[in-house]
Protein backbone atom coordinates (compact mmCIF):
# COMPACT_ATOMS: atom_id res chain seq x y z
CA UNK A 1 53.68 34.58 -2.85
CA UNK A 2 55.54 31.61 -1.45
CA UNK A 3 53.08 31.34 1.43
CA UNK A 4 50.17 31.49 -1.02
CA UNK A 5 51.68 28.74 -3.15
CA UNK A 6 52.38 26.66 -0.07
CA UNK A 7 48.83 27.10 1.15
CA UNK A 8 47.46 26.19 -2.28
CA UNK A 9 49.64 23.10 -2.41
CA UNK A 10 48.55 22.15 1.10
CA UNK A 11 44.89 22.49 0.25
CA UNK A 12 45.34 20.49 -2.97
CA UNK A 13 47.28 17.76 -1.18
CA UNK A 14 44.75 17.61 1.63
CA UNK A 15 41.88 17.34 -0.84
CA UNK A 16 43.69 14.56 -2.69
CA UNK A 17 44.30 12.72 0.59
CA UNK A 18 40.64 12.96 1.56
CA UNK A 19 39.63 11.73 -1.87
CA UNK A 20 42.13 8.86 -1.71
CA UNK A 21 40.87 7.88 1.73
CA UNK A 22 37.24 7.79 0.60
CA UNK A 23 36.03 4.22 0.24
CA UNK A 24 34.18 3.28 -2.94
CA UNK A 25 32.39 0.07 -3.79
CA UNK A 26 31.63 -0.70 -7.44
CA UNK A 27 29.07 -3.19 -8.72
CA UNK A 28 29.23 -4.50 -12.29
CA UNK A 29 25.53 -4.85 -13.03
CA UNK A 30 23.63 -6.39 -15.93
CA UNK A 31 20.89 -3.80 -16.49
CA UNK A 32 20.34 -0.11 -15.94
CA UNK A 33 17.35 1.07 -13.94
CA UNK A 34 14.20 1.67 -15.95
CA UNK A 35 13.25 4.45 -13.53
CA UNK A 36 14.05 5.62 -10.01
CA UNK A 37 10.36 5.75 -9.07
CA UNK A 38 9.75 2.82 -6.69
CA UNK A 39 6.14 2.45 -7.87
CA UNK A 40 6.64 2.50 -11.62
CA UNK A 41 8.42 -0.69 -12.68
CA UNK A 42 8.37 -4.49 -12.49
CA UNK A 43 12.09 -5.29 -12.82
CA UNK A 44 14.23 -6.89 -10.12
CA UNK A 45 17.31 -5.09 -11.43
CA UNK A 46 15.59 -1.72 -11.09
CA UNK A 47 14.44 -2.61 -7.60
CA UNK A 48 17.98 -3.59 -6.56
CA UNK A 49 19.25 -0.13 -7.42
CA UNK A 50 16.28 1.68 -5.86
CA UNK A 51 16.47 -0.42 -2.65
CA UNK A 52 19.85 1.14 -1.83
CA UNK A 53 18.29 4.62 -1.93
CA UNK A 54 14.87 3.89 -0.43
CA UNK A 55 13.89 1.70 2.52
CA UNK A 56 10.62 -0.18 3.02
CA UNK A 57 8.24 -0.84 5.88
CA UNK A 58 9.72 -4.34 6.12
CA UNK A 59 12.81 -5.98 4.66
CA UNK A 60 14.55 -9.36 4.65
CA UNK A 61 17.81 -10.46 6.17
CA UNK A 62 20.30 -12.51 4.16
CA UNK A 63 18.51 -15.71 5.26
CA UNK A 64 15.23 -14.28 3.85
CA UNK A 65 13.52 -13.77 7.20
CA UNK A 66 11.08 -10.83 7.08
CA UNK A 67 12.06 -8.18 9.66
CA UNK A 68 10.90 -4.62 10.46
CA UNK A 69 12.68 -1.72 8.76
CA UNK A 70 10.79 1.61 8.65
CA UNK A 71 8.17 -0.17 10.73
CA UNK A 72 9.22 -0.81 14.28
CA UNK A 73 6.85 -3.77 14.54
CA UNK A 74 3.62 -5.18 13.14
CA UNK A 75 0.78 -7.43 14.19
CA UNK A 76 -2.05 -9.20 12.42
CA UNK A 77 -5.26 -8.15 14.15
CA UNK A 78 -7.47 -10.60 12.23
CA UNK A 79 -7.32 -12.29 8.79
CA UNK A 80 -8.14 -8.95 7.10
CA UNK A 81 -6.29 -6.41 9.27
CA UNK A 82 -2.62 -5.60 9.90
CA UNK A 83 -1.32 -2.79 12.11
CA UNK A 84 2.19 -1.36 11.66
CA UNK A 85 3.97 0.72 14.28
CA UNK A 86 6.14 3.31 12.51
CA UNK A 87 9.75 3.87 13.55
CA UNK A 88 10.49 7.31 14.99
CA UNK A 89 13.48 9.51 14.17
CA UNK A 90 13.70 8.57 10.48
CA UNK A 91 14.46 11.34 8.00
CA UNK A 92 14.43 11.55 4.22
CA UNK A 93 17.57 12.59 2.39
CA UNK A 94 16.40 16.23 2.32
CA UNK A 95 16.25 16.23 6.12
CA UNK A 96 12.46 16.15 6.44
CA UNK A 97 11.02 13.64 8.94
CA UNK A 98 9.23 10.51 7.72
CA UNK A 99 5.73 10.13 9.10
CA UNK A 100 2.70 7.86 9.00
CA UNK A 101 1.31 10.17 6.30
CA UNK A 102 4.18 9.17 4.00
CA UNK A 103 3.36 5.49 4.52
CA UNK A 104 -0.32 6.03 3.69
CA UNK A 105 0.59 8.14 0.65
CA UNK A 106 3.08 5.54 -0.63
CA UNK A 107 0.60 2.68 -0.53
CA UNK A 108 -2.36 4.65 -1.83
CA UNK A 109 -0.14 5.57 -4.76
CA UNK A 110 0.48 1.85 -5.28
CA UNK A 111 -3.07 0.62 -4.88
CA UNK A 112 -5.37 3.33 -6.26
CA UNK A 113 -6.14 3.45 -9.97
CA UNK A 114 -4.69 6.54 -11.65
CA UNK A 115 -2.85 7.65 -8.51
CA UNK A 116 0.42 8.30 -10.36
CA UNK A 117 -0.54 11.38 -12.36
CA UNK A 118 -3.35 9.46 -14.04
CA UNK A 119 -1.35 6.24 -14.34
CA UNK A 120 -1.94 3.11 -12.24
CA UNK A 121 1.13 1.56 -10.66
CA UNK A 122 2.36 -1.57 -12.47
CA UNK A 123 3.15 -2.91 -8.99
CA UNK A 124 -0.46 -2.77 -7.83
CA UNK A 125 -0.97 -6.54 -7.84
CA UNK A 126 2.16 -7.00 -5.68
CA UNK A 127 0.12 -5.69 -2.76
CA UNK A 128 -2.73 -8.04 -3.54
CA UNK A 129 -6.14 -7.42 -1.98
CA UNK A 130 -5.10 -4.37 0.08
CA UNK A 131 -8.34 -2.34 0.22
CA UNK A 132 -7.48 0.62 2.43
CA UNK A 133 -4.47 2.10 4.20
CA UNK A 134 -5.36 4.37 7.10
CA UNK A 135 -3.50 6.41 9.69
CA UNK A 136 -4.71 5.26 13.11
CA UNK A 137 -2.45 7.73 14.93
CA UNK A 138 0.95 9.35 14.40
CA UNK A 139 2.72 6.03 14.97
CA UNK A 140 0.26 3.49 13.59
CA UNK A 141 -0.83 2.64 10.05
CA UNK A 142 -3.55 0.05 9.38
CA UNK A 143 -3.80 -2.10 6.25
CA UNK A 144 -7.24 -3.56 5.58
CA UNK A 145 -7.66 -6.37 3.04
CA UNK A 146 -10.68 -7.31 0.96
CA UNK A 147 -9.93 -10.99 1.51
CA UNK A 148 -7.41 -13.02 3.56
CA UNK A 149 -3.88 -12.74 2.18
CA UNK A 150 -1.36 -14.15 4.64
CA UNK A 151 1.65 -13.17 2.54
CA UNK A 152 1.20 -9.42 2.99
CA UNK A 153 4.26 -9.14 5.30
CA UNK A 154 6.27 -11.27 2.87
CA UNK A 155 5.36 -8.95 -0.03
CA UNK A 156 6.02 -5.63 1.71
CA UNK A 157 9.84 -5.83 1.34
CA UNK A 158 9.22 -5.28 -2.39
CA UNK A 159 7.77 -1.80 -1.77
CA UNK A 160 9.75 1.31 -0.84
CA UNK A 161 8.42 4.36 1.00
CA UNK A 162 8.44 7.77 -0.74
CA UNK A 163 8.04 11.26 0.64
CA UNK A 164 4.54 12.63 0.18
CA UNK A 165 5.73 16.25 0.07
CA UNK A 166 8.58 15.56 -2.36
CA UNK A 167 6.43 13.48 -4.70
CA UNK A 168 3.72 16.13 -4.76
CA UNK A 169 6.40 18.73 -5.48
CA UNK A 170 8.16 17.00 -8.40
CA UNK A 171 5.28 14.81 -9.62
CA UNK A 172 5.48 11.25 -10.87
CA UNK A 173 7.49 12.37 -13.88
CA UNK A 174 10.06 14.04 -11.64
CA UNK A 175 10.27 11.01 -9.36
CA UNK A 176 11.52 8.99 -12.30
CA UNK A 177 14.92 10.73 -12.13
CA UNK A 178 14.97 12.54 -8.77
CA UNK A 179 15.13 10.77 -5.43
CA UNK A 180 14.42 11.55 -1.79
CA UNK A 181 14.53 8.28 0.08
CA UNK A 182 15.24 7.10 3.61
CA UNK A 183 17.86 4.55 2.54
CA UNK A 184 21.59 4.29 3.35
CA UNK A 185 22.68 5.99 0.11
CA UNK A 186 21.52 9.11 -1.68
CA UNK A 187 21.73 9.70 -5.40
CA UNK A 188 24.63 11.75 -6.75
CA UNK A 189 24.21 11.18 -10.47
CA UNK A 190 22.47 8.84 -12.89
CA UNK A 191 24.42 8.50 -16.13
CA UNK A 192 21.84 6.56 -18.08
CA UNK A 193 23.21 3.46 -19.73
CA UNK A 194 26.54 3.87 -17.93
CA UNK A 195 26.32 4.15 -14.16
CA UNK A 196 24.39 5.18 -11.08
CA UNK A 197 26.52 6.97 -8.49
CA UNK A 198 25.47 7.15 -4.84
CA UNK A 199 27.03 8.53 -1.69
CA UNK A 200 26.51 7.59 1.93
CA UNK A 201 23.61 9.34 3.68
CA UNK A 202 25.10 10.47 6.97
CA UNK A 203 21.64 11.13 8.43
CA UNK A 204 20.63 7.49 8.01
CA UNK A 205 18.68 6.11 10.98
CA UNK A 206 20.66 2.86 10.84
CA UNK A 207 18.39 0.37 9.11
CA UNK A 208 16.67 -2.76 10.42
CA UNK A 209 17.62 -3.45 14.01
CA UNK A 210 17.49 -7.20 13.31
CA UNK A 211 20.27 -6.91 10.70
CA UNK A 212 23.55 -5.89 12.38
CA UNK A 213 25.55 -3.75 12.14
CA UNK A 214 23.03 -0.95 12.59
CA UNK A 215 24.27 2.47 11.51
CA UNK A 216 25.47 4.39 8.51
CA UNK A 217 26.70 2.61 5.37
CA UNK A 218 30.25 1.29 5.60
CA UNK A 219 31.50 2.86 2.34
CA UNK A 220 31.47 6.51 1.29
CA UNK A 221 30.34 5.86 -2.28
CA UNK A 222 28.59 3.07 -4.14
CA UNK A 223 28.50 2.86 -7.91
CA UNK A 224 26.43 0.56 -10.11
CA UNK A 225 28.31 0.29 -13.42
CA UNK A 226 26.06 -1.02 -16.17
CA UNK A 227 27.85 -3.85 -18.00
CA UNK A 228 25.32 -6.01 -19.87
CA UNK A 229 27.84 -8.30 -21.61
CA UNK A 230 28.87 -11.30 -19.51
CA UNK A 231 32.47 -11.38 -20.77
CA UNK A 232 32.98 -7.67 -20.11
CA UNK A 233 31.49 -7.95 -16.62
CA UNK A 234 33.78 -10.86 -15.72
CA UNK A 235 36.80 -9.06 -17.20
CA UNK A 236 36.04 -5.95 -15.14
CA UNK A 237 35.94 -8.05 -11.95
CA UNK A 238 39.20 -9.85 -12.73
CA UNK A 239 40.89 -6.53 -13.54
CA UNK A 240 39.78 -5.03 -10.23
CA UNK A 241 37.59 -2.41 -11.91
CA UNK A 242 34.49 -3.59 -10.02
CA UNK A 243 34.05 -5.37 -6.71
CA UNK A 244 30.84 -7.38 -7.20
CA UNK A 245 29.22 -8.72 -10.37
CA UNK A 246 25.83 -10.36 -10.70
CA UNK A 247 24.82 -13.18 -13.05
CA UNK A 248 28.25 -14.75 -13.22
CA UNK A 249 28.00 -17.40 -15.99
CA UNK A 250 28.57 -20.91 -14.58
CA UNK A 251 31.32 -21.61 -17.13
CA UNK A 252 33.31 -18.62 -15.78
CA UNK A 253 33.27 -19.78 -12.15
CA UNK A 254 36.61 -21.58 -12.41
CA UNK A 255 38.22 -18.48 -13.92
CA UNK A 256 37.01 -16.32 -11.03
CA UNK A 257 38.06 -18.88 -8.41
CA UNK A 258 41.51 -19.18 -10.01
CA UNK A 259 42.12 -15.45 -9.64
CA UNK A 260 43.89 -14.71 -6.36
CA UNK A 261 41.83 -11.56 -5.78
CA UNK A 262 38.32 -12.85 -6.51
CA UNK A 263 35.89 -15.53 -5.39
CA UNK A 264 32.51 -17.03 -6.31
CA UNK A 265 29.48 -16.65 -4.04
CA UNK A 266 26.23 -18.56 -4.61
CA UNK A 267 22.78 -18.40 -3.07
CA UNK A 268 19.57 -20.32 -3.66
CA UNK A 269 17.21 -18.51 -6.00
CA UNK A 270 13.44 -18.44 -5.67
CA UNK A 271 12.30 -20.28 -8.83
CA UNK A 272 11.20 -23.93 -8.66
CA UNK A 273 11.70 -25.99 -11.83
CA UNK A 274 9.54 -29.02 -12.51
CA UNK A 275 7.88 -31.07 -15.23
CA UNK A 276 4.11 -30.82 -14.93
CA UNK A 277 2.51 -34.19 -15.68
CA UNK A 278 -1.05 -34.22 -17.06
CA UNK A 279 -2.83 -35.84 -14.10
CA UNK A 280 -6.14 -36.24 -15.96
CA UNK A 281 -4.87 -37.98 -19.13
CA UNK A 282 -3.21 -41.34 -19.73
CA UNK A 283 -0.57 -42.37 -18.90
CA UNK A 284 0.01 -39.86 -16.11
CA UNK A 285 -3.44 -40.24 -14.56
CA UNK A 286 -1.88 -43.26 -12.81
CA UNK A 287 0.35 -42.29 -9.84
CA UNK A 288 2.60 -45.29 -10.54
CA UNK A 289 3.54 -43.79 -13.91
CA UNK A 290 4.20 -40.44 -12.23
CA UNK A 291 6.42 -42.17 -9.69
CA UNK A 292 8.23 -43.96 -12.51
CA UNK A 293 8.88 -40.64 -14.25
CA UNK A 294 10.51 -39.28 -11.09
CA UNK A 295 12.66 -42.38 -10.64
CA UNK A 296 13.84 -42.12 -14.24
CA UNK A 297 15.62 -38.80 -13.66
CA UNK A 298 19.18 -38.57 -12.38
CA UNK A 299 18.85 -35.02 -11.06
CA UNK A 300 22.33 -35.00 -9.57
CA UNK A 301 23.88 -35.75 -12.97
CA UNK A 302 21.93 -33.01 -14.77
CA UNK A 303 22.75 -30.49 -12.04
CA UNK A 304 26.43 -31.44 -12.26
CA UNK A 305 26.87 -31.67 -16.04
CA UNK A 306 24.26 -29.33 -17.51
CA UNK A 307 23.86 -26.78 -14.73
CA UNK A 308 27.52 -27.05 -13.62
CA UNK A 309 26.55 -27.55 -9.99
CA UNK A 310 24.52 -24.33 -9.72
CA UNK A 311 21.22 -25.75 -8.46
CA UNK A 312 19.87 -27.84 -5.60
CA UNK A 313 17.54 -30.85 -6.05
CA UNK A 314 13.95 -30.62 -4.82
CA UNK A 315 11.50 -33.24 -3.55
CA UNK A 316 8.50 -30.95 -3.66
CA UNK A 317 7.22 -27.54 -4.61
CA UNK A 318 9.11 -25.25 -2.26
CA UNK A 319 12.57 -23.80 -1.75
CA UNK A 320 14.40 -24.86 1.43
CA UNK A 321 14.49 -21.15 2.30
CA UNK A 322 10.70 -20.77 2.14
CA UNK A 323 8.38 -20.39 5.11
CA UNK A 324 6.82 -23.73 6.06
CA UNK A 325 9.30 -25.84 4.05
CA UNK A 326 9.21 -29.52 5.01
CA UNK A 327 12.79 -30.88 5.11
CA UNK A 328 11.65 -34.47 5.71
CA UNK A 329 10.11 -35.25 2.34
CA UNK A 330 11.42 -38.52 0.87
CA UNK A 331 13.36 -38.33 -2.38
CA UNK A 332 12.50 -40.42 -5.44
CA UNK A 333 15.87 -42.03 -5.93
CA UNK A 334 17.23 -42.53 -9.45
CA UNK A 335 16.22 -46.11 -10.30
CA UNK A 336 15.33 -46.70 -13.98
CA UNK A 337 14.78 -50.43 -13.45
CA UNK A 338 12.22 -49.84 -10.73
CA UNK A 339 10.64 -47.25 -12.99
CA UNK A 340 10.17 -49.90 -15.68
CA UNK A 341 8.55 -52.24 -13.13
CA UNK A 342 6.11 -49.52 -12.06
CA UNK A 343 5.22 -48.90 -15.72
CA UNK A 344 4.51 -52.63 -16.15
CA UNK A 345 2.35 -52.66 -13.01
CA UNK A 346 0.38 -49.74 -14.41
CA UNK A 347 -0.32 -51.70 -17.62
CA UNK A 348 2.53 -50.42 -19.77
CA UNK A 349 5.01 -53.34 -19.98
CA UNK A 350 6.32 -52.01 -23.31
CA UNK A 351 6.65 -48.46 -22.07
CA UNK A 352 4.84 -45.33 -23.28
CA UNK A 353 5.34 -42.62 -25.90
CA UNK A 354 4.96 -39.02 -24.72
CA UNK A 355 5.85 -35.45 -25.66
CA UNK A 356 7.46 -32.86 -23.39
CA UNK A 357 6.56 -29.25 -24.17
CA UNK A 358 9.28 -26.71 -23.44
CA UNK A 359 10.33 -23.17 -24.21
CA UNK A 360 13.49 -22.71 -26.26
CA UNK A 361 15.47 -21.34 -23.31
CA UNK A 362 15.08 -24.68 -21.52
CA UNK A 363 15.71 -26.93 -24.54
CA UNK A 364 19.04 -28.38 -23.33
CA UNK A 365 17.67 -29.23 -19.87
CA UNK A 366 14.47 -30.68 -21.34
CA UNK A 367 16.43 -32.87 -23.75
CA UNK A 368 18.51 -34.23 -20.85
CA UNK A 369 15.29 -35.09 -18.98
CA UNK A 370 13.76 -36.66 -22.12
CA UNK A 371 16.84 -38.84 -22.68
CA UNK A 372 16.66 -40.24 -19.16
CA UNK A 373 12.91 -40.84 -19.39
CA UNK A 374 13.39 -42.74 -22.64
CA UNK A 375 15.98 -45.05 -21.07
CA UNK A 376 13.43 -45.94 -18.38
CA UNK A 377 10.67 -46.78 -20.86
CA UNK A 378 8.96 -43.38 -21.07
CA UNK A 379 9.91 -42.55 -24.64
CA UNK A 380 9.85 -38.76 -24.68
CA UNK A 381 10.28 -36.36 -27.56
CA UNK A 382 10.74 -32.64 -27.01
CA UNK A 383 8.42 -30.07 -28.52
CA UNK A 384 9.82 -26.53 -28.34
CA UNK A 385 7.14 -23.85 -28.35
CA UNK A 386 6.69 -20.14 -27.71
CA UNK A 387 6.07 -19.29 -24.06
CA UNK A 388 2.65 -17.66 -24.37
CA UNK A 389 1.40 -20.49 -26.60
CA UNK A 390 2.51 -23.15 -24.13
CA UNK A 391 1.08 -21.29 -21.14
CA UNK A 392 -2.28 -21.09 -22.90
CA UNK A 393 -2.12 -24.80 -23.77
CA UNK A 394 -1.37 -25.75 -20.17
CA UNK A 395 -3.77 -23.31 -18.51
CA UNK A 396 -6.16 -24.99 -16.04
CA UNK A 397 -9.13 -23.99 -18.20
CA UNK A 398 -7.46 -25.19 -21.40
CA UNK A 399 -7.93 -28.39 -23.38
CA UNK A 400 -5.71 -30.52 -21.11
CA UNK A 401 -4.34 -32.28 -24.19
CA UNK A 402 -0.60 -32.29 -23.44
CA UNK A 403 1.50 -34.99 -21.80
CA UNK A 404 4.34 -33.19 -20.02
CA UNK A 405 5.40 -29.57 -19.61
CA UNK A 406 8.90 -28.48 -18.56
CA UNK A 407 8.29 -25.24 -16.67
CA UNK A 408 8.96 -23.26 -13.50
CA UNK A 409 7.30 -20.97 -10.98
CA UNK A 410 8.87 -18.06 -9.11
CA UNK A 411 8.32 -17.56 -5.40
CA UNK A 412 9.76 -14.14 -4.60
CA UNK A 413 7.82 -13.93 -1.35
CA UNK A 414 9.23 -17.31 -0.22
CA UNK A 415 5.79 -18.06 1.16
CA UNK A 416 3.75 -21.13 0.13
CA UNK A 417 0.70 -18.98 -0.64
CA UNK A 418 2.65 -17.53 -3.56
CA UNK A 419 3.62 -20.87 -5.16
CA UNK A 420 1.83 -23.82 -3.51
CA UNK A 421 -1.66 -22.34 -3.93
CA UNK A 422 -1.43 -21.17 -7.56
CA UNK A 423 0.31 -24.30 -8.85
CA UNK A 424 -1.35 -27.13 -6.92
CA UNK A 425 -4.73 -26.02 -5.60
CA UNK A 426 -7.60 -27.39 -7.68
CA UNK A 427 -8.24 -25.17 -10.71
CA UNK A 428 -5.90 -22.38 -9.62
CA UNK A 429 -4.20 -20.16 -12.19
CA UNK A 430 -0.87 -22.00 -12.38
CA UNK A 431 -2.05 -25.58 -11.92
CA UNK A 432 -0.58 -26.86 -15.18
CA UNK A 433 -0.63 -30.48 -13.97
CA UNK A 434 -4.44 -30.27 -13.52
CA UNK A 435 -3.83 -31.79 -10.08
CA UNK A 436 -6.69 -32.04 -7.62
CA UNK A 437 -6.70 -33.35 -4.07
CA UNK A 438 -9.45 -32.33 -1.62
CA UNK A 439 -7.20 -32.82 1.40
CA UNK A 440 -4.53 -30.55 -0.07
CA UNK A 441 -7.16 -27.92 -0.94
CA UNK A 442 -8.51 -28.02 2.62
CA UNK A 443 -5.04 -27.61 4.14
CA UNK A 444 -4.22 -24.68 1.84
CA UNK A 445 -7.54 -23.00 2.61
CA UNK A 446 -6.98 -23.42 6.35
CA UNK A 447 -3.45 -21.99 6.10
CA UNK A 448 -4.81 -18.97 4.24
CA UNK A 449 -6.73 -17.77 7.32
CA UNK A 450 -4.57 -19.17 10.15
CA UNK A 451 -3.12 -16.36 12.30
CA UNK A 452 -0.74 -18.55 14.31
CA UNK A 453 2.36 -18.80 12.13
CA UNK A 454 3.61 -22.08 13.61
CA UNK A 455 0.22 -23.71 12.99
CA UNK A 456 0.17 -22.23 9.51
CA UNK A 457 3.60 -23.72 8.78
CA UNK A 458 2.40 -27.14 9.99
CA UNK A 459 -0.57 -27.02 7.62
CA UNK A 460 1.75 -26.42 4.67
CA UNK A 461 4.11 -29.19 5.82
CA UNK A 462 1.20 -31.66 5.87
CA UNK A 463 0.16 -30.58 2.39
CA UNK A 464 3.72 -31.12 1.12
CA UNK A 465 3.67 -34.72 2.38
CA UNK A 466 0.53 -35.44 0.37
CA UNK A 467 1.88 -33.80 -2.79
CA UNK A 468 5.18 -35.63 -2.47
CA UNK A 469 3.24 -38.93 -2.38
CA UNK A 470 0.87 -37.97 -5.22
CA UNK A 471 3.77 -36.76 -7.43
CA UNK A 472 1.82 -34.49 -9.79
CA UNK A 473 5.17 -33.28 -11.19
CA UNK A 474 8.63 -34.55 -11.83
CA UNK A 475 10.31 -32.64 -9.01
CA UNK A 476 13.48 -31.09 -10.40
CA UNK A 477 15.62 -28.33 -8.91
CA UNK A 478 16.04 -24.79 -7.66
CA UNK A 479 18.73 -22.83 -9.56
CA UNK A 480 21.18 -20.69 -7.66
CA UNK A 481 22.17 -17.07 -8.29
CA UNK A 482 25.92 -16.73 -8.86
CA UNK A 483 28.08 -13.71 -8.06
CA UNK A 484 31.73 -12.88 -8.60
CA UNK A 485 33.15 -10.94 -5.66
CA UNK A 486 36.46 -9.20 -4.96
CA UNK A 487 38.25 -10.42 -1.86
CA UNK A 488 38.59 -6.81 -0.75
CA UNK A 489 34.82 -6.85 -0.02
CA UNK A 490 33.64 -7.83 3.46
CA UNK A 491 30.32 -7.73 5.27
CA UNK A 492 28.28 -8.57 2.17
CA UNK A 493 26.54 -11.78 1.19
CA UNK A 494 24.08 -12.51 -1.62
CA UNK A 495 20.40 -12.99 -0.89
CA UNK A 496 17.81 -15.19 -2.58
CA UNK A 497 15.69 -12.21 -3.66
CA UNK A 498 18.51 -11.16 -6.05
CA UNK A 499 18.92 -7.77 -4.38
CA UNK A 500 22.40 -6.39 -3.84
CA UNK A 501 22.08 -4.48 -0.57
CA UNK A 502 25.25 -2.47 0.02
CA UNK A 503 24.54 -0.99 3.46
CA UNK A 504 26.78 -3.46 5.28
CA UNK A 505 29.38 -3.95 2.53
CA UNK A 506 32.90 -2.71 3.28
CA UNK A 507 36.05 -2.58 1.13
CA UNK A 508 39.65 -2.88 2.23
């Protein structure tokens, strides 16, 4: 009896020791996943959770460089053709090998109408003009486009590979709650509205070879705790209940920094903010007035006082982290007196009266901009409107009746083709400034079909110089994403795509 009790106690103690030794990383996260099906959502928060369970053909490192993941390499054969060599030795969480057939199945499910049990993937347009995906041989998959689309590699990190056999077994409905990925963690339990619990996949192939360390995940378990309320999320971090929180409010940064066990981490986002100026209507049809508007704005002051230091100033359309970014663009220095002189030269010695359209969410920032414009002779009043109404008003095919529009454009691919082309090419879908320059159009068209990436980058850099001189916008800023992080976390850093990749994260 004594021996039995001793053995029972030993087993219990051993089990407790193993449990205590297991490392667990907890993320306080704003939103629950909408689904666990990689092809059936359009939410960054959902993708962040899924990306820890599933890997993609390509991924990005923390500096946003696109690198191979499930692909071993890729090459652009011509403007319409890309070949991907598939990594060998990769298994899904159920132990079955990943093959070229799974890649083809994944992307046909994304691109073909009705391929998800009669439903079309809401992510279809994220793979642009992909026409066909074919298996060339057991190690090669070919993507053929219907038109040139140089950002295909930049967009592939947004797509995760699923198992053909597993998806056919459980169906699209089953894939919403059941997972069988190739990622560093496998699903243990999804407590909807509360948490998503994952454990390390010991059969993991190691991840992208360009992102060290390569190997299994550092921690045994990873948990996304769903905490929508900002105050509760911050409190959980400060109390040591979670190790990382996203969307740390700027006004709570000092509180997190003051805590001996926590710190603030920031990273540039991917959304460019600007004021579109109506380039085809007085007074902003004159470049001198557009220059004056830029000189009227003290961006540093707004970033410091309104945005609490959580943005970086821009002198053009693109993020400093984007492919082809030109770091040598001159800034329009804050100089309200020179702005007034430019207005007088343009025929407006008594200044001008204008209206800035803005959505309610940006009212405070727009009012700060309007106040500075007014002091420089561009007397601006703010008109707050509903987003869809304003987008229709400022559409390139609209009436072109507005003066100024405080707006932004996201660039998740961090490629100019995803922001420069739609916002500044003549007549394109996001050209709310109604800007048109034949030289810029020619450079953007040439970049769209250029296979040599260094030459392509140079074309975009030249286009940025022209746009900086033409000033179709008031160039504003790029907000940063802010995280609160426990000091017991190592090996993790935030990335501009807002994903929280936990493969390399360790806890003390």
